N, C-alpha and C. Protein backbone atom coordinates (compact mmCIF):
# COMPACT_ATOMS: atom_id res chain seq x y z
N MET A 1 -80.81 -26.89 -60.46
CA MET A 1 -81.97 -27.43 -60.93
C MET A 1 -83.13 -26.53 -60.27
N VAL A 2 -84.23 -26.02 -60.63
CA VAL A 2 -85.32 -25.18 -60.44
C VAL A 2 -86.53 -25.97 -59.97
N LEU A 3 -86.47 -25.84 -58.73
CA LEU A 3 -87.52 -26.82 -57.75
C LEU A 3 -88.97 -25.36 -57.46
N ASN A 4 -89.95 -26.36 -57.22
CA ASN A 4 -91.08 -25.26 -56.82
C ASN A 4 -91.06 -24.66 -55.20
N ASP A 5 -91.31 -23.56 -54.70
CA ASP A 5 -91.72 -22.95 -53.22
C ASP A 5 -91.87 -23.56 -52.78
N PRO A 6 -91.24 -23.76 -51.60
CA PRO A 6 -91.63 -24.76 -50.43
C PRO A 6 -92.66 -24.15 -49.69
N ILE A 7 -93.60 -25.63 -49.36
CA ILE A 7 -94.61 -24.66 -48.34
C ILE A 7 -94.24 -24.66 -47.38
N LEU A 8 -94.25 -24.00 -46.16
CA LEU A 8 -93.27 -23.84 -44.94
C LEU A 8 -94.85 -24.70 -43.79
N VAL A 9 -94.51 -25.26 -42.89
CA VAL A 9 -94.98 -25.91 -41.56
C VAL A 9 -95.90 -25.35 -41.02
N HIS A 10 -95.50 -23.85 -40.93
CA HIS A 10 -96.73 -22.55 -39.89
C HIS A 10 -98.04 -22.36 -41.17
N TRP A 11 -97.73 -23.02 -42.11
CA TRP A 11 -98.23 -22.33 -43.44
C TRP A 11 -99.53 -23.58 -43.30
N MET A 12 -99.35 -24.14 -42.97
CA MET A 12 -100.12 -25.86 -42.58
C MET A 12 -101.54 -25.51 -41.97
N ASP A 13 -102.64 -25.81 -42.88
CA ASP A 13 -104.32 -25.36 -42.30
C ASP A 13 -104.84 -26.33 -41.94
N PHE A 14 -106.26 -26.11 -41.54
CA PHE A 14 -107.29 -27.52 -41.10
C PHE A 14 -107.66 -28.04 -42.15
N ASP A 15 -107.80 -27.63 -43.17
CA ASP A 15 -108.24 -28.43 -44.61
C ASP A 15 -107.43 -29.25 -45.19
N LEU A 16 -106.21 -28.95 -44.76
CA LEU A 16 -105.11 -30.06 -44.94
C LEU A 16 -105.05 -31.55 -44.09
N LEU A 17 -104.98 -30.82 -42.61
CA LEU A 17 -104.66 -31.51 -41.32
C LEU A 17 -106.42 -33.23 -41.73
N ALA A 18 -107.46 -32.18 -42.01
CA ALA A 18 -108.76 -32.51 -41.98
C ALA A 18 -108.42 -33.65 -43.10
N ARG A 19 -108.26 -33.24 -44.19
CA ARG A 19 -108.12 -34.63 -45.15
C ARG A 19 -107.29 -35.68 -45.39
N MET A 20 -105.70 -35.30 -44.72
CA MET A 20 -105.02 -36.32 -43.60
C MET A 20 -105.70 -37.17 -43.07
N GLY A 21 -105.90 -36.53 -41.96
CA GLY A 21 -106.61 -37.16 -40.78
C GLY A 21 -108.08 -37.97 -41.25
N ILE A 22 -108.86 -38.00 -41.52
CA ILE A 22 -109.87 -38.18 -42.06
C ILE A 22 -109.69 -39.49 -43.01
N ALA A 23 -108.71 -39.68 -44.08
CA ALA A 23 -108.30 -40.26 -44.46
C ALA A 23 -107.78 -41.68 -43.79
N ALA A 24 -106.80 -41.13 -43.03
CA ALA A 24 -106.45 -42.33 -41.63
C ALA A 24 -107.13 -42.67 -40.89
N ILE A 25 -108.13 -42.41 -40.16
CA ILE A 25 -109.37 -43.09 -39.38
C ILE A 25 -110.17 -43.66 -40.77
N ILE A 26 -110.25 -43.28 -41.79
CA ILE A 26 -111.10 -44.00 -42.82
C ILE A 26 -110.46 -45.87 -43.34
N GLY A 27 -109.13 -45.37 -43.36
CA GLY A 27 -108.27 -46.48 -43.99
C GLY A 27 -108.56 -47.53 -42.53
N LEU A 28 -107.93 -46.51 -41.33
CA LEU A 28 -108.27 -47.90 -40.00
C LEU A 28 -109.50 -48.56 -40.26
N ALA A 29 -110.28 -47.58 -40.18
CA ALA A 29 -112.01 -48.23 -39.76
C ALA A 29 -112.26 -49.09 -40.85
N LEU A 30 -112.09 -49.35 -42.48
CA LEU A 30 -112.43 -49.92 -43.14
C LEU A 30 -111.15 -51.33 -42.95
N GLY A 31 -110.24 -51.06 -42.60
CA GLY A 31 -109.16 -52.75 -42.09
C GLY A 31 -110.06 -53.13 -41.00
N LEU A 32 -110.61 -52.48 -39.85
CA LEU A 32 -111.09 -53.44 -38.92
C LEU A 32 -111.50 -54.76 -39.47
N ASP A 33 -112.39 -54.93 -40.16
CA ASP A 33 -113.37 -55.83 -40.76
C ASP A 33 -112.07 -56.86 -41.02
N ARG A 34 -111.06 -56.40 -41.84
CA ARG A 34 -109.96 -57.45 -42.37
C ARG A 34 -109.39 -58.30 -40.99
N GLU A 35 -108.67 -57.15 -40.16
CA GLU A 35 -108.09 -57.44 -38.87
C GLU A 35 -108.64 -58.33 -38.29
N LEU A 36 -110.14 -58.27 -37.72
CA LEU A 36 -110.67 -59.12 -37.23
C LEU A 36 -110.97 -60.38 -37.82
N ARG A 37 -111.40 -60.73 -38.89
CA ARG A 37 -111.13 -61.63 -39.78
C ARG A 37 -109.54 -62.56 -39.58
N GLY A 38 -108.91 -62.14 -39.35
CA GLY A 38 -107.57 -62.25 -39.59
C GLY A 38 -107.00 -62.69 -41.02
N HIS A 39 -107.31 -61.52 -41.78
CA HIS A 39 -106.95 -61.33 -43.36
C HIS A 39 -105.43 -60.41 -43.43
N ALA A 40 -104.86 -61.14 -44.67
CA ALA A 40 -103.24 -60.66 -44.49
C ALA A 40 -103.46 -58.92 -44.51
N ALA A 41 -104.11 -58.37 -44.98
CA ALA A 41 -104.28 -57.34 -44.91
C ALA A 41 -105.00 -56.22 -44.41
N GLY A 42 -104.95 -56.05 -42.77
CA GLY A 42 -105.65 -55.59 -42.11
C GLY A 42 -105.46 -53.92 -41.44
N LEU A 43 -105.50 -53.45 -40.46
CA LEU A 43 -105.70 -52.27 -39.88
C LEU A 43 -104.74 -51.52 -40.67
N ARG A 44 -103.36 -51.73 -40.21
CA ARG A 44 -102.26 -51.22 -40.80
C ARG A 44 -102.33 -50.81 -42.35
N THR A 45 -102.31 -52.04 -43.07
CA THR A 45 -102.48 -51.93 -44.31
C THR A 45 -103.40 -51.01 -45.24
N HIS A 46 -104.53 -50.95 -44.43
CA HIS A 46 -105.53 -50.48 -44.84
C HIS A 46 -105.56 -48.79 -44.49
N GLY A 47 -104.97 -48.61 -43.39
CA GLY A 47 -104.61 -47.31 -43.04
C GLY A 47 -103.51 -46.51 -43.80
N LEU A 48 -102.75 -47.34 -43.76
CA LEU A 48 -101.29 -46.98 -44.89
C LEU A 48 -102.26 -46.58 -46.14
N VAL A 49 -102.65 -47.44 -46.81
CA VAL A 49 -103.19 -47.24 -48.58
C VAL A 49 -103.72 -46.02 -48.15
N CYS A 50 -104.76 -45.66 -47.44
CA CYS A 50 -105.96 -44.82 -47.56
C CYS A 50 -105.32 -43.57 -47.63
N PHE A 51 -104.22 -43.32 -46.57
CA PHE A 51 -103.69 -42.34 -46.16
C PHE A 51 -102.50 -41.75 -46.96
N SER A 52 -101.68 -42.78 -47.70
CA SER A 52 -100.90 -42.63 -48.56
C SER A 52 -101.31 -42.38 -49.81
N ALA A 53 -102.46 -42.51 -50.01
CA ALA A 53 -103.54 -41.74 -51.68
C ALA A 53 -104.11 -40.61 -51.36
N ALA A 54 -104.11 -40.34 -50.47
CA ALA A 54 -105.11 -38.88 -49.78
C ALA A 54 -103.68 -37.87 -50.33
N ALA A 55 -102.64 -38.56 -49.05
CA ALA A 55 -101.25 -37.22 -49.53
C ALA A 55 -100.90 -37.10 -50.74
N LEU A 56 -100.92 -38.35 -51.76
CA LEU A 56 -100.56 -38.12 -53.15
C LEU A 56 -101.56 -37.50 -53.65
N THR A 57 -102.44 -37.75 -53.57
CA THR A 57 -103.65 -36.55 -54.13
C THR A 57 -103.55 -35.44 -53.73
N ALA A 58 -103.64 -34.92 -52.64
CA ALA A 58 -102.94 -33.34 -52.20
C ALA A 58 -101.45 -32.47 -52.33
N SER A 59 -100.57 -33.25 -52.78
CA SER A 59 -99.28 -33.08 -53.17
C SER A 59 -99.32 -33.04 -54.63
N MET A 60 -100.15 -33.26 -55.56
CA MET A 60 -100.53 -33.11 -57.07
C MET A 60 -101.19 -32.32 -57.48
N ILE A 61 -102.21 -32.05 -56.36
CA ILE A 61 -103.26 -30.67 -56.83
C ILE A 61 -102.57 -29.90 -56.61
N ALA A 62 -102.12 -29.61 -55.35
CA ALA A 62 -101.17 -28.59 -54.70
C ALA A 62 -100.21 -28.64 -55.98
N LEU A 63 -99.08 -28.97 -56.11
CA LEU A 63 -98.10 -28.83 -57.15
C LEU A 63 -98.75 -28.44 -58.70
N HIS A 64 -100.09 -29.24 -59.09
CA HIS A 64 -100.77 -28.36 -60.26
C HIS A 64 -100.87 -27.14 -60.07
N LYS A 65 -101.48 -27.03 -59.19
CA LYS A 65 -102.01 -25.40 -58.94
C LYS A 65 -100.67 -24.53 -58.60
N GLN A 66 -99.87 -24.43 -58.15
CA GLN A 66 -98.52 -24.13 -57.94
C GLN A 66 -97.67 -23.96 -59.18
N MET A 67 -97.39 -25.09 -59.97
CA MET A 67 -96.88 -24.80 -60.86
C MET A 67 -97.48 -24.45 -62.23
N GLY A 68 -98.82 -25.08 -62.12
CA GLY A 68 -99.59 -24.54 -63.04
C GLY A 68 -99.60 -25.54 -64.60
N THR A 69 -98.82 -26.58 -64.74
CA THR A 69 -98.12 -27.54 -65.29
C THR A 69 -98.32 -29.29 -64.50
N GLY A 70 -98.23 -29.73 -65.66
CA GLY A 70 -98.49 -31.17 -64.96
C GLY A 70 -99.14 -31.79 -65.53
N ASP A 71 -99.32 -33.27 -65.44
CA ASP A 71 -100.40 -34.44 -65.91
C ASP A 71 -100.87 -34.80 -63.96
N THR A 72 -101.95 -34.32 -63.45
CA THR A 72 -102.34 -35.05 -62.25
C THR A 72 -102.86 -36.23 -62.95
N LEU A 73 -103.36 -37.13 -63.91
CA LEU A 73 -104.00 -37.91 -64.16
C LEU A 73 -103.14 -39.24 -63.65
N ARG A 74 -102.04 -39.01 -63.55
CA ARG A 74 -100.30 -39.70 -63.66
C ARG A 74 -100.90 -40.50 -61.92
N MET A 75 -101.32 -39.55 -60.95
CA MET A 75 -101.28 -39.88 -60.27
C MET A 75 -102.77 -41.40 -59.76
N PHE A 76 -103.44 -40.73 -60.18
CA PHE A 76 -104.56 -42.50 -60.26
C PHE A 76 -103.61 -43.46 -61.14
N GLU A 77 -103.06 -43.65 -62.15
CA GLU A 77 -102.47 -44.64 -62.91
C GLU A 77 -101.28 -45.00 -61.93
N ALA A 78 -100.70 -44.14 -61.14
CA ALA A 78 -99.82 -44.72 -60.15
C ALA A 78 -99.98 -45.77 -59.64
N THR A 79 -101.38 -44.93 -58.56
CA THR A 79 -102.18 -45.55 -57.04
C THR A 79 -102.65 -46.55 -58.10
N GLY A 80 -103.18 -47.34 -59.24
CA GLY A 80 -104.05 -48.33 -59.40
C GLY A 80 -103.00 -48.84 -59.82
N SER A 81 -101.50 -49.10 -60.44
CA SER A 81 -100.53 -49.67 -60.67
C SER A 81 -99.99 -50.30 -59.00
N PHE A 82 -99.89 -49.24 -58.40
CA PHE A 82 -99.65 -49.97 -56.81
C PHE A 82 -100.63 -51.17 -56.29
N ILE A 83 -101.62 -50.23 -56.40
CA ILE A 83 -102.85 -51.13 -56.07
C ILE A 83 -102.72 -52.64 -56.33
N GLY A 84 -102.59 -52.75 -57.47
CA GLY A 84 -102.81 -54.00 -58.38
C GLY A 84 -101.29 -54.99 -58.35
N ILE A 85 -100.38 -54.42 -57.88
CA ILE A 85 -99.50 -55.13 -57.24
C ILE A 85 -99.86 -55.81 -55.74
N ILE A 86 -99.81 -54.82 -54.99
CA ILE A 86 -100.03 -55.46 -53.79
C ILE A 86 -101.60 -56.38 -54.06
N GLY A 87 -102.63 -56.54 -54.59
CA GLY A 87 -103.61 -56.97 -54.44
C GLY A 87 -103.19 -58.76 -55.65
N ALA A 88 -102.06 -58.54 -56.18
CA ALA A 88 -101.84 -59.72 -56.87
C ALA A 88 -101.12 -60.61 -55.87
N GLY A 89 -100.28 -59.54 -54.81
CA GLY A 89 -99.55 -60.78 -54.02
C GLY A 89 -100.30 -60.76 -52.29
N LEU A 90 -101.70 -60.42 -52.90
CA LEU A 90 -102.64 -61.06 -51.18
C LEU A 90 -102.95 -62.09 -51.90
N ILE A 91 -103.66 -62.03 -52.91
CA ILE A 91 -104.43 -63.26 -53.86
C ILE A 91 -103.87 -64.63 -53.90
N VAL A 92 -104.04 -65.72 -52.89
CA VAL A 92 -103.73 -66.96 -53.46
C VAL A 92 -104.59 -67.91 -53.65
N PHE A 93 -104.23 -68.89 -54.75
CA PHE A 93 -104.87 -69.75 -55.20
C PHE A 93 -104.09 -70.95 -54.47
N SER A 94 -104.85 -71.70 -53.86
CA SER A 94 -104.40 -73.14 -52.69
C SER A 94 -105.71 -74.27 -53.28
N LYS A 95 -105.48 -75.16 -53.33
CA LYS A 95 -106.39 -76.56 -53.07
C LYS A 95 -107.36 -76.49 -53.62
N GLY A 96 -107.31 -75.48 -54.61
CA GLY A 96 -108.64 -75.07 -55.71
C GLY A 96 -109.68 -74.18 -55.29
N GLN A 97 -108.63 -73.32 -54.37
CA GLN A 97 -109.96 -72.07 -53.34
C GLN A 97 -108.98 -70.86 -53.50
N ILE A 98 -109.50 -69.82 -53.84
CA ILE A 98 -109.37 -68.69 -54.27
C ILE A 98 -109.33 -67.67 -53.30
N ARG A 99 -108.65 -66.85 -51.93
CA ARG A 99 -108.07 -66.37 -50.69
C ARG A 99 -107.82 -65.07 -50.83
N ASN A 100 -108.71 -64.39 -50.49
CA ASN A 100 -107.96 -62.70 -50.48
C ASN A 100 -108.40 -62.07 -51.00
N LEU A 101 -109.48 -62.50 -52.05
CA LEU A 101 -109.67 -61.73 -53.00
C LEU A 101 -110.52 -60.65 -52.76
N THR A 102 -111.25 -60.44 -52.02
CA THR A 102 -112.25 -59.27 -51.26
C THR A 102 -111.75 -58.54 -50.46
N THR A 103 -110.34 -59.11 -49.73
CA THR A 103 -109.43 -57.95 -49.07
C THR A 103 -108.73 -57.35 -50.28
N ALA A 104 -108.05 -57.86 -51.42
CA ALA A 104 -107.94 -57.05 -52.33
C ALA A 104 -108.59 -56.02 -53.06
N ALA A 105 -109.88 -56.53 -53.13
CA ALA A 105 -110.71 -55.27 -53.30
C ALA A 105 -111.29 -54.33 -52.71
N ASN A 106 -111.27 -54.58 -51.45
CA ASN A 106 -111.51 -53.56 -50.34
C ASN A 106 -110.03 -52.49 -50.45
N LEU A 107 -109.01 -53.00 -50.50
CA LEU A 107 -107.96 -51.77 -50.28
C LEU A 107 -107.87 -51.07 -51.76
N TRP A 108 -108.50 -51.72 -52.77
CA TRP A 108 -108.91 -50.92 -54.14
C TRP A 108 -109.97 -49.57 -53.63
N LEU A 109 -110.48 -50.51 -52.52
CA LEU A 109 -111.64 -48.94 -52.92
C LEU A 109 -111.45 -48.33 -51.32
N VAL A 110 -110.48 -48.85 -50.77
CA VAL A 110 -109.58 -47.81 -49.61
C VAL A 110 -108.58 -46.32 -50.46
N ALA A 111 -107.86 -47.11 -51.23
CA ALA A 111 -107.37 -46.33 -52.27
C ALA A 111 -107.91 -45.34 -53.14
N VAL A 112 -109.03 -45.44 -53.39
CA VAL A 112 -109.77 -44.88 -54.38
C VAL A 112 -110.63 -43.30 -53.03
N ILE A 113 -110.96 -44.57 -51.80
CA ILE A 113 -111.71 -43.31 -51.10
C ILE A 113 -110.25 -42.00 -50.40
N GLY A 114 -109.11 -42.65 -50.39
CA GLY A 114 -107.99 -41.99 -50.19
C GLY A 114 -107.61 -41.22 -50.89
N ILE A 115 -107.94 -40.63 -52.46
CA ILE A 115 -107.95 -40.16 -53.53
C ILE A 115 -109.25 -38.99 -53.29
N ALA A 116 -109.99 -39.37 -53.41
CA ALA A 116 -111.24 -38.61 -52.65
C ALA A 116 -110.92 -37.63 -51.60
N CYS A 117 -110.20 -38.53 -50.32
CA CYS A 117 -109.98 -37.33 -49.43
C CYS A 117 -109.25 -36.62 -49.47
N GLY A 118 -108.26 -36.56 -50.28
CA GLY A 118 -106.95 -35.86 -50.52
C GLY A 118 -107.80 -34.52 -51.61
N ALA A 119 -108.59 -35.13 -52.69
CA ALA A 119 -109.14 -33.79 -53.18
C ALA A 119 -110.49 -33.10 -52.85
N GLY A 120 -110.44 -33.66 -51.54
CA GLY A 120 -112.08 -32.96 -50.88
C GLY A 120 -113.11 -33.12 -51.37
N GLN A 121 -113.37 -34.51 -52.05
CA GLN A 121 -114.56 -35.42 -52.34
C GLN A 121 -115.63 -35.49 -51.12
N TRP A 122 -115.64 -34.64 -50.30
CA TRP A 122 -116.58 -35.42 -49.33
C TRP A 122 -117.77 -36.13 -49.62
N PRO A 123 -118.74 -35.99 -50.58
CA PRO A 123 -120.08 -36.70 -50.78
C PRO A 123 -119.94 -38.08 -51.19
N LEU A 124 -118.12 -38.20 -52.27
CA LEU A 124 -117.94 -39.18 -52.45
C LEU A 124 -117.41 -40.32 -51.43
N VAL A 125 -116.27 -39.27 -50.80
CA VAL A 125 -115.70 -40.25 -49.47
C VAL A 125 -116.84 -40.68 -48.83
N THR A 126 -118.05 -40.18 -48.37
CA THR A 126 -119.24 -40.85 -47.55
C THR A 126 -119.86 -41.51 -48.29
N ILE A 127 -119.99 -41.66 -49.46
CA ILE A 127 -120.92 -42.72 -50.55
C ILE A 127 -119.75 -44.18 -50.34
N GLY A 128 -118.49 -43.58 -50.41
CA GLY A 128 -117.31 -44.84 -50.37
C GLY A 128 -117.27 -46.11 -49.35
N VAL A 129 -117.76 -44.91 -48.06
CA VAL A 129 -117.39 -46.02 -46.99
C VAL A 129 -118.70 -46.63 -46.45
N GLY A 130 -119.92 -45.81 -47.25
CA GLY A 130 -120.81 -46.75 -46.56
C GLY A 130 -120.76 -48.07 -47.69
N VAL A 131 -120.99 -47.90 -48.94
CA VAL A 131 -120.84 -49.33 -49.84
C VAL A 131 -120.01 -49.85 -49.02
N SER A 132 -118.70 -49.63 -48.65
CA SER A 132 -117.54 -50.69 -47.94
C SER A 132 -118.14 -51.30 -46.83
N LEU A 133 -118.66 -50.43 -46.02
CA LEU A 133 -119.08 -50.67 -44.57
C LEU A 133 -120.24 -51.88 -45.07
N LEU A 134 -121.29 -51.96 -45.81
CA LEU A 134 -122.12 -52.41 -45.77
C LEU A 134 -121.85 -53.85 -46.82
N MET A 135 -121.02 -53.69 -47.70
CA MET A 135 -120.39 -54.68 -48.21
C MET A 135 -119.45 -55.70 -47.29
N MET A 136 -118.87 -55.04 -46.55
CA MET A 136 -118.26 -55.78 -45.89
C MET A 136 -118.51 -56.17 -44.43
N THR A 137 -119.43 -55.85 -43.91
CA THR A 137 -119.80 -56.04 -42.64
C THR A 137 -121.47 -56.56 -42.89
N VAL A 138 -122.44 -55.92 -43.21
CA VAL A 138 -123.67 -56.36 -43.18
C VAL A 138 -123.77 -57.62 -44.13
N LEU A 139 -123.23 -57.50 -45.18
CA LEU A 139 -124.05 -58.53 -46.18
C LEU A 139 -123.24 -59.74 -45.62
N TRP A 140 -121.62 -59.73 -45.09
CA TRP A 140 -120.83 -60.96 -44.47
C TRP A 140 -122.14 -61.30 -43.12
N PHE A 141 -122.75 -60.69 -42.64
CA PHE A 141 -123.56 -61.01 -41.77
C PHE A 141 -124.66 -61.79 -42.58
N VAL A 142 -125.21 -61.46 -43.67
CA VAL A 142 -126.30 -61.69 -44.22
C VAL A 142 -125.74 -63.53 -44.54
N GLU A 143 -124.55 -63.43 -45.17
CA GLU A 143 -123.71 -64.48 -45.91
C GLU A 143 -124.05 -65.61 -45.00
N SER A 144 -122.93 -65.03 -43.92
CA SER A 144 -123.66 -65.96 -43.07
C SER A 144 -124.36 -66.45 -41.98
N ARG A 145 -125.46 -65.50 -42.11
CA ARG A 145 -126.55 -66.29 -41.91
C ARG A 145 -127.50 -67.44 -42.18
N PHE A 146 -127.83 -66.43 -43.69
CA PHE A 146 -128.79 -66.92 -44.72
C PHE A 146 -128.01 -68.49 -45.51
N PHE A 147 -126.45 -68.14 -45.85
CA PHE A 147 -125.87 -69.37 -46.48
C PHE A 147 -124.32 -70.07 -45.78
N PRO A 148 -124.95 -70.39 -44.62
CA PRO A 148 -123.56 -71.00 -44.19
C PRO A 148 -123.28 -72.34 -44.73
N GLU A 149 -123.75 -72.76 -45.39
CA GLU A 149 -122.81 -73.91 -45.62
C GLU A 149 -122.00 -73.94 -47.01
N THR A 150 -122.31 -72.37 -47.25
CA THR A 150 -121.54 -71.75 -48.93
C THR A 150 -120.44 -71.78 -48.65
N GLU A 151 -119.38 -72.34 -49.37
CA GLU A 151 -118.04 -71.86 -49.15
C GLU A 151 -117.36 -69.93 -49.89
N ARG A 152 -117.32 -69.41 -49.16
CA ARG A 152 -116.99 -68.12 -49.47
C ARG A 152 -115.00 -68.17 -49.94
N ASN A 153 -115.09 -68.29 -51.00
CA ASN A 153 -113.46 -68.37 -51.72
C ASN A 153 -112.68 -67.43 -51.74
N GLY A 154 -113.47 -66.27 -52.06
CA GLY A 154 -112.80 -65.21 -52.22
C GLY A 154 -112.29 -64.12 -51.23
N GLU A 155 -112.90 -64.78 -50.07
CA GLU A 155 -112.39 -64.00 -48.79
C GLU A 155 -110.81 -64.45 -48.36
């Protein structure tokens, strides 16, 4: 079997450490809201999804550059399929109400942010984090303050 040349540990660079570290930190931060509200997917799930997506992306980019071939778009397909399975498992329909829909959607965003971290697309990462924080915290505050009687079934 012919394999690609290994990349030795002493060749690890700051760029790779930054991409993986930032993805893990962002995933944990975006999962904090879900953890504090007692939802099924919290800190660890969001952190692992974001880090895993970043690691998958960095690996696929490196393999593509190293070998000169390969379909890197499969990484997006695999991530989408996997997050779809997790999201479907999170969403619960009980007593006429849907639960954890927002958590599943946030996990999808965390996966996309992880992919952007792995690819080093920092403007996309910044926008994604900003949008997620706005929607998960600021809008929750607005909803609970101005629409307290409205049930938020999607959470």
